[in-house]
Structure formats: C-alpha cells, structure tokens
Amino acid sequence: FGSVIINLQLIQAKLRDMSIDIDASAFLIFRVAGKDNSIYRIPREAAMAMLFAIELEQQVIDKAVQIFVGSGVVSRFAVEQFY
C-alpha cells in the first residue's frame, strides 16, 4: 500500500502477539526447569510445557507465513524452513 510493512497496524499486532506467545512458552519452560526434582510432578509439567510450546510455535509460524503472504513458503526465506 505504498509504505513499509512494519507501519501497518495489523502487522504490528501480529508481531506483538507472536512475541507474547514466544515469551509465554519460554517462561513456562523456565518455570518447569527451575522446579525441584519431584518424581511425579516434573514429567507431567514438562510434558504440558512442551505441548504448550509446540502448539504456540505452530501458531507463530502460521502468523509469520501470513505476514510474508505467498513468499513465506518460498525456500529463500527462513519462514519456509520453520514451516
């Protein structure tokens, strides 16, 4: 639309949401990693943190492909490798 893509509010909102998702999954993983070694709690919480991080990762990659539109699935860009 004749301007730099980062100036579009929808792109800024997507990038903000992606950043929040990445930080949320990282904090959850760090929380589980910092727990004491309880034999019953840690494997369950680690599995939940891993599932949460994987699902958010897929959502972030989908948003990145939406930002790059058609060129997001071309092998020249890192987004395609993540996808």
C-alpha atoms as a PDB file:
ATOM      1  CA  PHE A   1       0.000   0.000   0.000  1.00  0.00           C
ATOM      2  CA  GLY A   2       2.906   2.328  -0.635  1.00  0.00           C
ATOM      3  CA  SER A   3       4.513   2.169   2.828  1.00  0.00           C
ATOM      4  CA  VAL A   4       6.870  -0.005   4.811  1.00  0.00           C
ATOM      5  CA  ILE A   5       5.142  -3.163   6.040  1.00  0.00           C
ATOM      6  CA  ILE A   6       6.027  -2.546   9.689  1.00  0.00           C
ATOM      7  CA  ASN A   7       3.964   0.659   9.626  1.00  0.00           C
ATOM      8  CA  LEU A   8       0.752  -1.333   9.133  1.00  0.00           C
ATOM      9  CA  GLN A   9      -1.141  -1.793  12.400  1.00  0.00           C
ATOM     10  CA  LEU A  10      -2.262  -5.319  11.556  1.00  0.00           C
ATOM     11  CA  ILE A  11       1.354  -6.408  11.049  1.00  0.00           C
ATOM     12  CA  GLN A  12       2.371  -4.728  14.308  1.00  0.00           C
ATOM     13  CA  ALA A  13      -0.438  -6.559  16.122  1.00  0.00           C
ATOM     14  CA  LYS A  14       0.610  -9.915  14.660  1.00  0.00           C
ATOM     15  CA  LEU A  15       4.236  -9.337  15.644  1.00  0.00           C
ATOM     16  CA  ARG A  16       3.161  -8.312  19.150  1.00  0.00           C
ATOM     17  CA  ASP A  17       1.050 -11.448  19.536  1.00  0.00           C
ATOM     18  CA  MET A  18       3.876 -13.614  18.228  1.00  0.00           C
ATOM     19  CA  SER A  19       6.299 -12.082  20.721  1.00  0.00           C
ATOM     20  CA  ILE A  20       3.888 -12.627  23.602  1.00  0.00           C
ATOM     21  CA  ASP A  21       3.355 -16.275  22.585  1.00  0.00           C
ATOM     22  CA  ILE A  22       7.089 -16.951  22.389  1.00  0.00           C
ATOM     23  CA  ASP A  23       7.739 -15.326  25.781  1.00  0.00           C
ATOM     24  CA  ALA A  24       4.832 -17.186  27.406  1.00  0.00           C
ATOM     25  CA  SER A  25       6.100 -20.567  26.273  1.00  0.00           C
ATOM     26  CA  ALA A  26       9.680 -19.715  27.286  1.00  0.00           C
ATOM     27  CA  PHE A  27       8.597 -18.620  30.772  1.00  0.00           C
ATOM     28  CA  LEU A  28       6.582 -21.793  31.222  1.00  0.00           C
ATOM     29  CA  ILE A  29       9.559 -23.938  30.221  1.00  0.00           C
ATOM     30  CA  PHE A  30      11.884 -21.977  32.521  1.00  0.00           C
ATOM     31  CA  ARG A  31       9.393 -22.404  35.378  1.00  0.00           C
ATOM     32  CA  VAL A  32       9.353 -26.167  34.916  1.00  0.00           C
ATOM     33  CA  ALA A  33      13.151 -26.297  34.600  1.00  0.00           C
ATOM     34  CA  GLY A  34      13.557 -24.427  37.879  1.00  0.00           C
ATOM     35  CA  LYS A  35      11.355 -26.754  39.932  1.00  0.00           C
ATOM     36  CA  ASP A  36      12.695 -29.223  42.447  1.00  0.00           C
ATOM     37  CA  ASN A  37      13.068 -32.791  41.243  1.00  0.00           C
ATOM     38  CA  SER A  38       9.782 -34.249  42.380  1.00  0.00           C
ATOM     39  CA  ILE A  39       9.446 -37.701  40.882  1.00  0.00           C
ATOM     40  CA  TYR A  40       5.755 -37.279  39.991  1.00  0.00           C
ATOM     41  CA  ARG A  41       5.257 -33.591  39.195  1.00  0.00           C
ATOM     42  CA  ILE A  42       8.129 -32.781  36.861  1.00  0.00           C
ATOM     43  CA  PRO A  43       7.400 -35.217  33.993  1.00  0.00           C
ATOM     44  CA  ARG A  44       3.747 -34.145  33.898  1.00  0.00           C
ATOM     45  CA  GLU A  45       4.535 -30.437  33.994  1.00  0.00           C
ATOM     46  CA  ALA A  46       7.346 -30.843  31.471  1.00  0.00           C
ATOM     47  CA  ALA A  47       5.008 -32.621  29.067  1.00  0.00           C
ATOM     48  CA  MET A  48       2.404 -29.879  29.476  1.00  0.00           C
ATOM     49  CA  ALA A  49       5.018 -27.170  28.889  1.00  0.00           C
ATOM     50  CA  MET A  50       6.323 -28.973  25.814  1.00  0.00           C
ATOM     51  CA  LEU A  51       2.831 -29.361  24.339  1.00  0.00           C
ATOM     52  CA  PHE A  52       2.039 -25.702  25.016  1.00  0.00           C
ATOM     53  CA  ALA A  53       5.312 -24.570  23.408  1.00  0.00           C
ATOM     54  CA  ILE A  54       4.816 -26.763  20.331  1.00  0.00           C
ATOM     55  CA  GLU A  55       1.258 -25.533  19.763  1.00  0.00           C
ATOM     56  CA  LEU A  56       2.280 -21.899  20.170  1.00  0.00           C
ATOM     57  CA  GLU A  57       5.242 -22.451  17.859  1.00  0.00           C
ATOM     58  CA  GLN A  58       2.896 -23.635  15.111  1.00  0.00           C
ATOM     59  CA  GLN A  59       0.648 -20.600  15.628  1.00  0.00           C
ATOM     60  CA  VAL A  60       3.641 -18.233  15.441  1.00  0.00           C
ATOM     61  CA  ILE A  61       4.862 -19.884  12.240  1.00  0.00           C
ATOM     62  CA  ASP A  62       1.378 -19.608  10.711  1.00  0.00           C
ATOM     63  CA  LYS A  63       1.286 -15.895  11.536  1.00  0.00           C
ATOM     64  CA  ALA A  64       4.750 -15.443  10.025  1.00  0.00           C
ATOM     65  CA  VAL A  65       3.607 -17.114   6.801  1.00  0.00           C
ATOM     66  CA  GLN A  66       0.578 -14.789   6.756  1.00  0.00           C
ATOM     67  CA  ILE A  67       2.878 -11.777   7.079  1.00  0.00           C
ATOM     68  CA  PHE A  68       5.098 -12.961   4.222  1.00  0.00           C
ATOM     69  CA  VAL A  69       1.993 -13.863   2.160  1.00  0.00           C
ATOM     70  CA  GLY A  70       2.968 -16.055  -0.829  1.00  0.00           C
ATOM     71  CA  SER A  71       6.687 -15.529  -0.481  1.00  0.00           C
ATOM     72  CA  GLY A  72       6.637 -17.062   3.005  1.00  0.00           C
ATOM     73  CA  VAL A  73       6.597 -20.546   1.538  1.00  0.00           C
ATOM     74  CA  VAL A  74       9.476 -19.963  -0.893  1.00  0.00           C
ATOM     75  CA  SER A  75      12.686 -21.719   0.085  1.00  0.00           C
ATOM     76  CA  ARG A  76      14.707 -18.486   0.123  1.00  0.00           C
ATOM     77  CA  PHE A  77      13.128 -17.340   3.396  1.00  0.00           C
ATOM     78  CA  ALA A  78      13.620 -18.758   6.884  1.00  0.00           C
ATOM     79  CA  VAL A  79       9.852 -18.898   7.431  1.00  0.00           C
ATOM     80  CA  GLU A  80       9.600 -21.739   4.916  1.00  0.00           C
ATOM     81  CA  GLN A  81      12.245 -23.723   6.793  1.00  0.00           C
ATOM     82  CA  PHE A  82      10.340 -23.304  10.069  1.00  0.00           C
ATOM     83  CA  TYR A  83       7.078 -24.288   8.397  1.00  0.00           C
END
